[in-house]
Structure formats: structure tokens, C-alpha cells
PDB file of N, CA and C in Angstrom:
ATOM      1  N   GLY A   1      13.704  28.643  14.702  1.00  0.00           N
ATOM      2  CA  GLY A   1      14.594  29.230  15.689  1.00  0.00           C
ATOM      3  C   GLY A   1      16.014  28.744  15.528  1.00  0.00           C
ATOM      4  N   LYS A   2      16.934  29.337  16.253  1.00  0.00           N
ATOM      5  CA  LYS A   2      18.335  28.950  16.180  1.00  0.00           C
ATOM      6  C   LYS A   2      18.542  27.636  16.922  1.00  0.00           C
ATOM      7  N   GLU A   3      19.616  26.943  16.571  1.00  0.00           N
ATOM      8  CA  GLU A   3      19.955  25.695  17.254  1.00  0.00           C
ATOM      9  C   GLU A   3      20.103  25.934  18.745  1.00  0.00           C
ATOM     10  N   GLY A   4      19.521  25.059  19.527  1.00  0.00           N
ATOM     11  CA  GLY A   4      19.710  25.141  20.968  1.00  0.00           C
ATOM     12  C   GLY A   4      18.959  26.279  21.637  1.00  0.00           C
ATOM     13  N   GLU A   5      18.167  26.983  20.863  1.00  0.00           N
ATOM     14  CA  GLU A   5      17.398  28.083  21.443  1.00  0.00           C
ATOM     15  C   GLU A   5      16.252  27.481  22.245  1.00  0.00           C
ATOM     16  N   LYS A   6      16.125  27.897  23.500  1.00  0.00           N
ATOM     17  CA  LYS A   6      15.049  27.294  24.274  1.00  0.00           C
ATOM     18  C   LYS A   6      13.764  28.104  24.108  1.00  0.00           C
ATOM     19  N   ILE A   7      12.680  27.378  23.999  1.00  0.00           N
ATOM     20  CA  ILE A   7      11.399  28.037  23.815  1.00  0.00           C
ATOM     21  C   ILE A   7      10.718  28.196  25.160  1.00  0.00           C
ATOM     22  N   ILE A   8      10.424  29.436  25.502  1.00  0.00           N
ATOM     23  CA  ILE A   8       9.699  29.685  26.740  1.00  0.00           C
ATOM     24  C   ILE A   8       8.283  30.073  26.366  1.00  0.00           C
ATOM     25  N   SER A   9       7.351  29.316  26.901  1.00  0.00           N
ATOM     26  CA  SER A   9       5.969  29.580  26.564  1.00  0.00           C
ATOM     27  C   SER A   9       5.225  29.995  27.823  1.00  0.00           C
ATOM     28  N   VAL A  10       4.443  31.064  27.706  1.00  0.00           N
ATOM     29  CA  VAL A  10       3.740  31.636  28.845  1.00  0.00           C
ATOM     30  C   VAL A  10       2.242  31.613  28.578  1.00  0.00           C
ATOM     31  N   ASP A  11       1.482  31.144  29.548  1.00  0.00           N
ATOM     32  CA  ASP A  11       0.029  31.162  29.397  1.00  0.00           C
ATOM     33  C   ASP A  11      -0.514  32.564  29.579  1.00  0.00           C
ATOM     34  N   ILE A  12      -1.477  32.901  28.752  1.00  0.00           N
ATOM     35  CA  ILE A  12      -2.172  34.179  28.883  1.00  0.00           C
ATOM     36  C   ILE A  12      -3.544  33.842  29.458  1.00  0.00           C
ATOM     37  N   PRO A  13      -3.966  34.502  30.523  1.00  0.00           N
ATOM     38  CA  PRO A  13      -5.275  34.176  31.101  1.00  0.00           C
ATOM     39  C   PRO A  13      -6.361  34.236  30.030  1.00  0.00           C
ATOM     40  N   PRO A  14      -7.320  33.308  30.064  1.00  0.00           N
ATOM     41  CA  PRO A  14      -8.349  33.248  29.031  1.00  0.00           C
ATOM     42  C   PRO A  14      -9.131  34.551  28.927  1.00  0.00           C
ATOM     43  N   ILE A  15      -9.536  34.856  27.712  1.00  0.00           N
ATOM     44  CA  ILE A  15     -10.358  36.027  27.445  1.00  0.00           C
ATOM     45  C   ILE A  15     -11.764  35.534  27.142  1.00  0.00           C
ATOM     46  N   VAL A  16     -12.746  36.121  27.800  1.00  0.00           N
ATOM     47  CA  VAL A  16     -14.134  35.727  27.561  1.00  0.00           C
ATOM     48  C   VAL A  16     -14.904  36.935  27.027  1.00  0.00           C
ATOM     49  N   VAL A  17     -15.589  36.740  25.903  1.00  0.00           N
ATOM     50  CA  VAL A  17     -16.432  37.813  25.372  1.00  0.00           C
ATOM     51  C   VAL A  17     -17.859  37.309  25.201  1.00  0.00           C
ATOM     52  N   ASP A  18     -18.796  38.224  25.338  1.00  0.00           N
ATOM     53  CA  ASP A  18     -20.209  37.915  25.117  1.00  0.00           C
ATOM     54  C   ASP A  18     -20.583  38.273  23.686  1.00  0.00           C
ATOM     55  N   LEU A  19     -21.268  37.366  23.036  1.00  0.00           N
ATOM     56  CA  LEU A  19     -21.737  37.608  21.675  1.00  0.00           C
ATOM     57  C   LEU A  19     -23.206  37.238  21.612  1.00  0.00           C
ATOM     58  N   ARG A  20     -23.997  38.013  20.858  1.00  0.00           N
ATOM     59  CA  ARG A  20     -25.399  37.651  20.683  1.00  0.00           C
ATOM     60  C   ARG A  20     -25.564  36.793  19.446  1.00  0.00           C
ATOM     61  N   ASP A  21     -26.302  35.699  19.591  1.00  0.00           N
ATOM     62  CA  ASP A  21     -26.543  34.868  18.420  1.00  0.00           C
ATOM     63  C   ASP A  21     -27.751  35.402  17.650  1.00  0.00           C
ATOM     64  N   GLY A  22     -28.111  34.728  16.576  1.00  0.00           N
ATOM     65  CA  GLY A  22     -29.194  35.168  15.707  1.00  0.00           C
ATOM     66  C   GLY A  22     -30.519  35.321  16.431  1.00  0.00           C
ATOM     67  N   ASP A  23     -30.720  34.541  17.499  1.00  0.00           N
ATOM     68  CA  ASP A  23     -31.968  34.605  18.264  1.00  0.00           C
ATOM     69  C   ASP A  23     -31.896  35.637  19.384  1.00  0.00           C
ATOM     70  N   GLY A  24     -30.801  36.383  19.428  1.00  0.00           N
ATOM     71  CA  GLY A  24     -30.657  37.412  20.445  1.00  0.00           C
ATOM     72  C   GLY A  24     -30.190  36.880  21.793  1.00  0.00           C
ATOM     73  N   ARG A  25     -29.870  35.565  21.836  1.00  0.00           N
ATOM     74  CA  ARG A  25     -29.359  35.001  23.095  1.00  0.00           C
ATOM     75  C   ARG A  25     -27.898  35.372  23.279  1.00  0.00           C
ATOM     76  N   LEU A  26     -27.519  35.566  24.532  1.00  0.00           N
ATOM     77  CA  LEU A  26     -26.141  35.886  24.848  1.00  0.00           C
ATOM     78  C   LEU A  26     -25.334  34.603  24.918  1.00  0.00           C
ATOM     79  N   ARG A  27     -24.246  34.539  24.152  1.00  0.00           N
ATOM     80  CA  ARG A  27     -23.374  33.372  24.161  1.00  0.00           C
ATOM     81  C   ARG A  27     -21.986  33.824  24.586  1.00  0.00           C
ATOM     82  N   HIS A  28     -21.191  32.910  25.095  1.00  0.00           N
ATOM     83  CA  HIS A  28     -19.855  33.258  25.554  1.00  0.00           C
ATOM     84  C   HIS A  28     -18.805  32.579  24.698  1.00  0.00           C
ATOM     85  N   LEU A  29     -17.834  33.362  24.312  1.00  0.00           N
ATOM     86  CA  LEU A  29     -16.676  32.806  23.633  1.00  0.00           C
ATOM     87  C   LEU A  29     -15.498  32.906  24.579  1.00  0.00           C
ATOM     88  N   LYS A  30     -14.850  31.767  24.802  1.00  0.00           N
ATOM     89  CA  LYS A  30     -13.666  31.760  25.659  1.00  0.00           C
ATOM     90  C   LYS A  30     -12.452  31.415  24.811  1.00  0.00           C
ATOM     91  N   VAL A  31     -11.471  32.301  24.844  1.00  0.00           N
ATOM     92  CA  VAL A  31     -10.259  32.093  24.064  1.00  0.00           C
ATOM     93  C   VAL A  31      -9.073  32.002  25.011  1.00  0.00           C
ATOM     94  N   GLY A  32      -8.375  30.884  24.956  1.00  0.00           N
ATOM     95  CA  GLY A  32      -7.175  30.711  25.769  1.00  0.00           C
ATOM     96  C   GLY A  32      -5.961  30.742  24.871  1.00  0.00           C
ATOM     97  N   MET A  33      -4.929  31.419  25.306  1.00  0.00           N
ATOM     98  CA  MET A  33      -3.732  31.563  24.491  1.00  0.00           C
ATOM     99  C   MET A  33      -2.476  31.308  25.291  1.00  0.00           C
ATOM    100  N   ALA A  34      -1.424  31.016  24.554  1.00  0.00           N
ATOM    101  CA  ALA A  34      -0.098  30.974  25.147  1.00  0.00           C
ATOM    102  C   ALA A  34       0.817  31.720  24.192  1.00  0.00           C
ATOM    103  N   ALA A  35       1.861  32.324  24.737  1.00  0.00           N
ATOM    104  CA  ALA A  35       2.807  33.062  23.905  1.00  0.00           C
ATOM    105  C   ALA A  35       4.164  32.390  23.984  1.00  0.00           C
ATOM    106  N   GLU A  36       4.790  32.197  22.841  1.00  0.00           N
ATOM    107  CA  GLU A  36       6.179  31.736  22.828  1.00  0.00           C
ATOM    108  C   GLU A  36       7.055  32.973  22.784  1.00  0.00           C
ATOM    109  N   LEU A  37       7.872  33.113  23.815  1.00  0.00           N
ATOM    110  CA  LEU A  37       8.663  34.328  23.970  1.00  0.00           C
ATOM    111  C   LEU A  37      10.016  34.232  23.279  1.00  0.00           C
ATOM    112  N   ALA A  38      10.506  35.394  22.871  1.00  0.00           N
ATOM    113  CA  ALA A  38      11.868  35.482  22.365  1.00  0.00           C
ATOM    114  C   ALA A  38      12.810  35.151  23.526  1.00  0.00           C
ATOM    115  N   GLU A  39      13.946  34.604  23.203  1.00  0.00           N
ATOM    116  CA  GLU A  39      14.839  34.104  24.244  1.00  0.00           C
ATOM    117  C   GLU A  39      15.272  35.181  25.234  1.00  0.00           C
ATOM    118  N   ALA A  40      15.422  36.411  24.747  1.00  0.00           N
ATOM    119  CA  ALA A  40      15.912  37.489  25.611  1.00  0.00           C
ATOM    120  C   ALA A  40      14.852  37.987  26.600  1.00  0.00           C
ATOM    121  N   VAL A  41      13.622  37.539  26.417  1.00  0.00           N
ATOM    122  CA  VAL A  41      12.525  38.050  27.233  1.00  0.00           C
ATOM    123  C   VAL A  41      12.186  37.067  28.344  1.00  0.00           C
ATOM    124  N   ASN A  42      12.047  37.563  29.574  1.00  0.00           N
ATOM    125  CA  ASN A  42      11.628  36.642  30.626  1.00  0.00           C
ATOM    126  C   ASN A  42      10.135  36.777  30.882  1.00  0.00           C
ATOM    127  N   ALA A  43       9.590  35.798  31.565  1.00  0.00           N
ATOM    128  CA  ALA A  43       8.147  35.722  31.775  1.00  0.00           C
ATOM    129  C   ALA A  43       7.614  36.927  32.548  1.00  0.00           C
ATOM    130  N   GLU A  44       8.405  37.420  33.495  1.00  0.00           N
ATOM    131  CA  GLU A  44       7.965  38.568  34.295  1.00  0.00           C
ATOM    132  C   GLU A  44       7.798  39.799  33.415  1.00  0.00           C
ATOM    133  N   GLU A  45       8.777  40.009  32.551  1.00  0.00           N
ATOM    134  CA  GLU A  45       8.757  41.130  31.623  1.00  0.00           C
ATOM    135  C   GLU A  45       7.520  41.020  30.733  1.00  0.00           C
ATOM    136  N   PHE A  46       7.246  39.811  30.298  1.00  0.00           N
ATOM    137  CA  PHE A  46       6.096  39.583  29.418  1.00  0.00           C
ATOM    138  C   PHE A  46       4.791  39.930  30.128  1.00  0.00           C
ATOM    139  N   LYS A  47       4.691  39.545  31.402  1.00  0.00           N
ATOM    140  CA  LYS A  47       3.459  39.804  32.156  1.00  0.00           C
ATOM    141  C   LYS A  47       3.140  41.289  32.224  1.00  0.00           C
ATOM    142  N   LEU A  48       4.189  42.111  32.203  1.00  0.00           N
ATOM    143  CA  LEU A  48       3.976  43.559  32.278  1.00  0.00           C
ATOM    144  C   LEU A  48       3.328  44.109  31.009  1.00  0.00           C
ATOM    145  N   VAL A  49       3.655  43.513  29.853  1.00  0.00           N
ATOM    146  CA  VAL A  49       3.090  44.037  28.600  1.00  0.00           C
ATOM    147  C   VAL A  49       1.850  43.277  28.146  1.00  0.00           C
ATOM    148  N   SER A  50       1.590  42.111  28.753  1.00  0.00           N
ATOM    149  CA  SER A  50       0.508  41.286  28.229  1.00  0.00           C
ATOM    150  C   SER A  50      -0.882  41.942  28.250  1.00  0.00           C
ATOM    151  N   PRO A  51      -1.201  42.856  29.195  1.00  0.00           N
ATOM    152  CA  PRO A  51      -2.510  43.501  29.122  1.00  0.00           C
ATOM    153  C   PRO A  51      -2.774  44.213  27.784  1.00  0.00           C
ATOM    154  N   ARG A  52      -1.720  44.737  27.179  1.00  0.00           N
ATOM    155  CA  ARG A  52      -1.864  45.375  25.864  1.00  0.00           C
ATOM    156  C   ARG A  52      -2.357  44.385  24.828  1.00  0.00           C
ATOM    157  N   GLY A  53      -1.792  43.207  24.874  1.00  0.00           N
ATOM    158  CA  GLY A  53      -2.189  42.170  23.935  1.00  0.00           C
ATOM    159  C   GLY A  53      -3.610  41.711  24.184  1.00  0.00           C
ATOM    160  N   ARG A  54      -3.963  41.599  25.455  1.00  0.00           N
ATOM    161  CA  ARG A  54      -5.333  41.197  25.817  1.00  0.00           C
ATOM    162  C   ARG A  54      -6.336  42.228  25.303  1.00  0.00           C
ATOM    163  N   GLU A  55      -5.994  43.509  25.461  1.00  0.00           N
ATOM    164  CA  GLU A  55      -6.903  44.557  25.026  1.00  0.00           C
ATOM    165  C   GLU A  55      -7.090  44.516  23.511  1.00  0.00           C
ATOM    166  N   ALA A  56      -6.010  44.348  22.782  1.00  0.00           N
ATOM    167  CA  ALA A  56      -6.070  44.281  21.318  1.00  0.00           C
ATOM    168  C   ALA A  56      -6.934  43.105  20.878  1.00  0.00           C
ATOM    169  N   THR A  57      -6.789  41.981  21.573  1.00  0.00           N
ATOM    170  CA  THR A  57      -7.556  40.780  21.241  1.00  0.00           C
ATOM    171  C   THR A  57      -9.033  40.961  21.558  1.00  0.00           C
ATOM    172  N   LEU A  58      -9.298  41.532  22.715  1.00  0.00           N
ATOM    173  CA  LEU A  58     -10.684  41.793  23.124  1.00  0.00           C
ATOM    174  C   LEU A  58     -11.406  42.677  22.112  1.00  0.00           C
ATOM    175  N   THR A  59     -10.739  43.760  21.725  1.00  0.00           N
ATOM    176  CA  THR A  59     -11.318  44.693  20.769  1.00  0.00           C
ATOM    177  C   THR A  59     -11.672  43.970  19.479  1.00  0.00           C
ATOM    178  N   TYR A  60     -10.763  43.117  19.037  1.00  0.00           N
ATOM    179  CA  TYR A  60     -11.015  42.359  17.810  1.00  0.00           C
ATOM    180  C   TYR A  60     -12.179  41.378  17.975  1.00  0.00           C
ATOM    181  N   LEU A  61     -12.152  40.601  19.056  1.00  0.00           N
ATOM    182  CA  LEU A  61     -13.191  39.585  19.258  1.00  0.00           C
ATOM    183  C   LEU A  61     -14.575  40.209  19.373  1.00  0.00           C
ATOM    184  N   ARG A  62     -14.637  41.381  19.993  1.00  0.00           N
ATOM    185  CA  ARG A  62     -15.929  42.059  20.150  1.00  0.00           C
ATOM    186  C   ARG A  62     -16.490  42.549  18.827  1.00  0.00           C
ATOM    187  N   SER A  63     -15.617  42.665  17.821  1.00  0.00           N
ATOM    188  CA  SER A  63     -16.071  43.139  16.518  1.00  0.00           C
ATOM    189  C   SER A  63     -16.670  41.999  15.683  1.00  0.00           C
ATOM    190  N   LEU A  64     -16.530  40.772  16.170  1.00  0.00           N
ATOM    191  CA  LEU A  64     -17.037  39.618  15.422  1.00  0.00           C
ATOM    192  C   LEU A  64     -18.484  39.321  15.780  1.00  0.00           C
ATOM    193  N   THR A  65     -19.186  38.700  14.861  1.00  0.00           N
ATOM    194  CA  THR A  65     -20.547  38.264  15.158  1.00  0.00           C
ATOM    195  C   THR A  65     -20.490  36.823  15.654  1.00  0.00           C
ATOM    196  N   PHE A  66     -21.550  36.395  16.297  1.00  0.00           N
ATOM    197  CA  PHE A  66     -21.640  35.016  16.757  1.00  0.00           C
ATOM    198  C   PHE A  66     -21.480  34.051  15.580  1.00  0.00           C
ATOM    199  N   GLU A  67     -22.135  34.381  14.468  1.00  0.00           N
ATOM    200  CA  GLU A  67     -22.097  33.511  13.287  1.00  0.00           C
ATOM    201  C   GLU A  67     -20.672  33.333  12.765  1.00  0.00           C
ATOM    202  N   GLU A  68     -19.904  34.413  12.768  1.00  0.00           N
ATOM    203  CA  GLU A  68     -18.508  34.326  12.310  1.00  0.00           C
ATOM    204  C   GLU A  68     -17.705  33.392  13.213  1.00  0.00           C
ATOM    205  N   VAL A  69     -17.881  33.575  14.505  1.00  0.00           N
ATOM    206  CA  VAL A  69     -17.125  32.794  15.472  1.00  0.00           C
ATOM    207  C   VAL A  69     -17.531  31.314  15.435  1.00  0.00           C
ATOM    208  N   ALA A  70     -18.822  31.064  15.152  1.00  0.00           N
ATOM    209  CA  ALA A  70     -19.336  29.693  15.142  1.00  0.00           C
ATOM    210  C   ALA A  70     -19.004  28.958  13.836  1.00  0.00           C
ATOM    211  N   ASP A  71     -18.555  29.691  12.824  1.00  0.00           N
ATOM    212  CA  ASP A  71     -18.276  29.096  11.522  1.00  0.00           C
ATOM    213  C   ASP A  71     -16.868  28.493  11.490  1.00  0.00           C
ATOM    214  N   PRO A  72     -16.773  27.158  11.393  1.00  0.00           N
ATOM    215  CA  PRO A  72     -15.460  26.506  11.434  1.00  0.00           C
ATOM    216  C   PRO A  72     -14.529  26.969  10.316  1.00  0.00           C
ATOM    217  N   THR A  73     -15.103  27.399   9.191  1.00  0.00           N
ATOM    218  CA  THR A  73     -14.245  27.832   8.088  1.00  0.00           C
ATOM    219  C   THR A  73     -13.579  29.177   8.381  1.00  0.00           C
ATOM    220  N   LYS A  74     -14.087  29.891   9.381  1.00  0.00           N
ATOM    221  CA  LYS A  74     -13.509  31.194   9.733  1.00  0.00           C
ATOM    222  C   LYS A  74     -12.421  31.063  10.807  1.00  0.00           C
ATOM    223  N   TYR A  75     -12.293  29.866  11.383  1.00  0.00           N
ATOM    224  CA  TYR A  75     -11.395  29.689  12.527  1.00  0.00           C
ATOM    225  C   TYR A  75      -9.947  30.073  12.203  1.00  0.00           C
ATOM    226  N   ALA A  76      -9.458  29.629  11.055  1.00  0.00           N
ATOM    227  CA  ALA A  76      -8.062  29.913  10.690  1.00  0.00           C
ATOM    228  C   ALA A  76      -7.809  31.420  10.588  1.00  0.00           C
ATOM    229  N   THR A  77      -8.771  32.127  10.014  1.00  0.00           N
ATOM    230  CA  THR A  77      -8.653  33.579   9.866  1.00  0.00           C
ATOM    231  C   THR A  77      -8.664  34.265  11.224  1.00  0.00           C
ATOM    232  N   ILE A  78      -9.576  33.836  12.084  1.00  0.00           N
ATOM    233  CA  ILE A  78      -9.683  34.429  13.421  1.00  0.00           C
ATOM    234  C   ILE A  78      -8.388  34.189  14.200  1.00  0.00           C
ATOM    235  N   LYS A  79      -7.894  32.962  14.114  1.00  0.00           N
ATOM    236  CA  LYS A  79      -6.658  32.593  14.790  1.00  0.00           C
ATOM    237  C   LYS A  79      -5.494  33.475  14.318  1.00  0.00           C
ATOM    238  N   GLU A  80      -5.419  33.668  13.014  1.00  0.00           N
ATOM    239  CA  GLU A  80      -4.365  34.486  12.424  1.00  0.00           C
ATOM    240  C   GLU A  80      -4.467  35.942  12.880  1.00  0.00           C
ATOM    241  N   GLU A  81      -5.696  36.462  12.884  1.00  0.00           N
ATOM    242  CA  GLU A  81      -5.926  37.844  13.315  1.00  0.00           C
ATOM    243  C   GLU A  81      -5.538  38.050  14.780  1.00  0.00           C
ATOM    244  N   ILE A  82      -5.936  37.101  15.625  1.00  0.00           N
ATOM    245  CA  ILE A  82      -5.597  37.205  17.051  1.00  0.00           C
ATOM    246  C   ILE A  82      -4.083  37.250  17.200  1.00  0.00           C
ATOM    247  N   SER A  83      -3.417  36.333  16.514  1.00  0.00           N
ATOM    248  CA  SER A  83      -1.974  36.236  16.578  1.00  0.00           C
ATOM    249  C   SER A  83      -1.312  37.543  16.121  1.00  0.00           C
ATOM    250  N   LYS A  84      -1.783  38.065  14.992  1.00  0.00           N
ATOM    251  CA  LYS A  84      -1.222  39.296  14.434  1.00  0.00           C
ATOM    252  C   LYS A  84      -1.407  40.457  15.406  1.00  0.00           C
ATOM    253  N   ARG A  85      -2.610  40.578  15.965  1.00  0.00           N
ATOM    254  CA  ARG A  85      -2.890  41.691  16.873  1.00  0.00           C
ATOM    255  C   ARG A  85      -2.097  41.581  18.162  1.00  0.00           C
ATOM    256  N   MET A  86      -1.983  40.366  18.686  1.00  0.00           N
ATOM    257  CA  MET A  86      -1.196  40.153  19.904  1.00  0.00           C
ATOM    258  C   MET A  86       0.263  40.550  19.658  1.00  0.00           C
ATOM    259  N   ILE A  87       0.821  40.051  18.563  1.00  0.00           N
ATOM    260  CA  ILE A  87       2.238  40.309  18.294  1.00  0.00           C
ATOM    261  C   ILE A  87       2.480  41.797  18.018  1.00  0.00           C
ATOM    262  N   ASP A  88       1.544  42.436  17.298  1.00  0.00           N
ATOM    263  CA  ASP A  88       1.658  43.888  17.076  1.00  0.00           C
ATOM    264  C   ASP A  88       1.650  44.642  18.399  1.00  0.00           C
ATOM    265  N   ALA A  89       0.748  44.248  19.291  1.00  0.00           N
ATOM    266  CA  ALA A  89       0.601  44.959  20.566  1.00  0.00           C
ATOM    267  C   ALA A  89       1.777  44.705  21.504  1.00  0.00           C
ATOM    268  N   LEU A  90       2.319  43.496  21.445  1.00  0.00           N
ATOM    269  CA  LEU A  90       3.356  43.119  22.411  1.00  0.00           C
ATOM    270  C   LEU A  90       4.765  43.348  21.894  1.00  0.00           C
ATOM    271  N   GLY A  91       4.894  43.362  20.579  1.00  0.00           N
ATOM    272  CA  GLY A  91       6.216  43.551  19.989  1.00  0.00           C
ATOM    273  C   GLY A  91       6.788  42.236  19.490  1.00  0.00           C
ATOM    274  N   ALA A  92       7.139  42.202  18.213  1.00  0.00           N
ATOM    275  CA  ALA A  92       7.682  40.987  17.590  1.00  0.00           C
ATOM    276  C   ALA A  92       9.045  40.634  18.188  1.00  0.00           C
ATOM    277  N   ASP A  93       9.681  41.635  18.816  1.00  0.00           N
ATOM    278  CA  ASP A  93      10.967  41.365  19.462  1.00  0.00           C
ATOM    279  C   ASP A  93      10.774  40.572  20.759  1.00  0.00           C
ATOM    280  N   LYS A  94       9.552  40.603  21.294  1.00  0.00           N
ATOM    281  CA  LYS A  94       9.287  39.893  22.546  1.00  0.00           C
ATOM    282  C   LYS A  94       8.611  38.543  22.333  1.00  0.00           C
ATOM    283  N   VAL A  95       7.715  38.498  21.341  1.00  0.00           N
ATOM    284  CA  VAL A  95       6.899  37.298  21.157  1.00  0.00           C
ATOM    285  C   VAL A  95       7.121  36.707  19.776  1.00  0.00           C
ATOM    286  N   HIS A  96       7.478  35.418  19.745  1.00  0.00           N
ATOM    287  CA  HIS A  96       7.671  34.736  18.459  1.00  0.00           C
ATOM    288  C   HIS A  96       6.353  34.284  17.861  1.00  0.00           C
ATOM    289  N   ARG A  97       5.586  33.576  18.667  1.00  0.00           N
ATOM    290  CA  ARG A  97       4.273  33.177  18.173  1.00  0.00           C
ATOM    291  C   ARG A  97       3.247  33.078  19.281  1.00  0.00           C
ATOM    292  N   ILE A  98       1.987  33.147  18.841  1.00  0.00           N
ATOM    293  CA  ILE A  98       0.858  33.019  19.753  1.00  0.00           C
ATOM    294  C   ILE A  98       0.175  31.698  19.429  1.00  0.00           C
ATOM    295  N   LEU A  99      -0.055  30.907  20.446  1.00  0.00           N
ATOM    296  CA  LEU A  99      -0.754  29.640  20.256  1.00  0.00           C
ATOM    297  C   LEU A  99      -2.166  29.776  20.811  1.00  0.00           C
ATOM    298  N   LEU A 100      -3.129  29.306  20.058  1.00  0.00           N
ATOM    299  CA  LEU A 100      -4.500  29.275  20.546  1.00  0.00           C
ATOM    300  C   LEU A 100      -4.695  27.916  21.200  1.00  0.00           C
ATOM    301  N   VAL A 101      -4.864  27.907  22.518  1.00  0.00           N
ATOM    302  CA  VAL A 101      -4.967  26.624  23.221  1.00  0.00           C
ATOM    303  C   VAL A 101      -6.409  26.293  23.586  1.00  0.00           C
ATOM    304  N   ASP A 102      -7.265  27.281  23.432  1.00  0.00           N
ATOM    305  CA  ASP A 102      -8.661  27.082  23.816  1.00  0.00           C
ATOM    306  C   ASP A 102      -9.531  28.005  22.972  1.00  0.00           C
ATOM    307  N   PHE A 103     -10.615  27.478  22.400  1.00  0.00           N
ATOM    308  CA  PHE A 103     -11.538  28.307  21.623  1.00  0.00           C
ATOM    309  C   PHE A 103     -12.890  27.664  21.790  1.00  0.00           C
ATOM    310  N   VAL A 104     -13.625  28.109  22.816  1.00  0.00           N
ATOM    311  CA  VAL A 104     -14.860  27.433  23.192  1.00  0.00           C
ATOM    312  C   VAL A 104     -16.042  28.390  23.124  1.00  0.00           C
ATOM    313  N   LEU A 105     -17.059  27.984  22.420  1.00  0.00           N
ATOM    314  CA  LEU A 105     -18.276  28.769  22.297  1.00  0.00           C
ATOM    315  C   LEU A 105     -19.349  28.113  23.157  1.00  0.00           C
ATOM    316  N   GLN A 106     -19.919  28.902  24.076  1.00  0.00           N
ATOM    317  CA  GLN A 106     -20.928  28.325  24.971  1.00  0.00           C
ATOM    318  C   GLN A 106     -22.254  29.046  24.851  1.00  0.00           C
TER     319      GLN A 106
END
């Protein structure tokens, strides 16, 4: 970022998806995120568009299998995909980066 640019970070309410494991049991994946906003964007403005990002993320997470989500070697890829989809949905002019603050499989 530019010198003296202040970073505003906004929490995105956690997204929870149900995934079936190999034994057919229902498991829950909880993903918590925060968005670092572009300086020109305020938090209120962001809240108005954030449902789009949530929907894009949900659609992606639902396409994954339990095994993929449980595999630590896939974490970096999943994180990258979530970030890409969020930023595409919300606009790169509004969001600089997406931080994954929570990734819990239950």
C-alpha cells in the first residue's frame, strides 16, 4: 500500500457449510473471514455488497468434498480460491485482501 495509507479491516460473519464425510456423517465447516478495504471504501458501503461475496464463497465451499477440506495440503488452494471469489464478487476497487481468520472442521 501507499505510505500512510490506513488499513481498514472488516469482519465478515462466519460462513458454515455442511459436508458429508466418507462415512456419510454430516460435518460442519466454519469459515471466518475479514476483508481489508480500499481506503476510499467505508465499512457501511462494504456491508451492502458483502452478501455477494458470501454467496460466491458458499457456492464454492459447497462444491468441495469433506476429504478436500480436511486435507491440510489443500488449505492454501482453498484459501486462495475463497479470496479470489470474494474479491471478484465484491470488486478489487473495494477490497484489497481477504484474510481467513477461522477455518474449523467439526
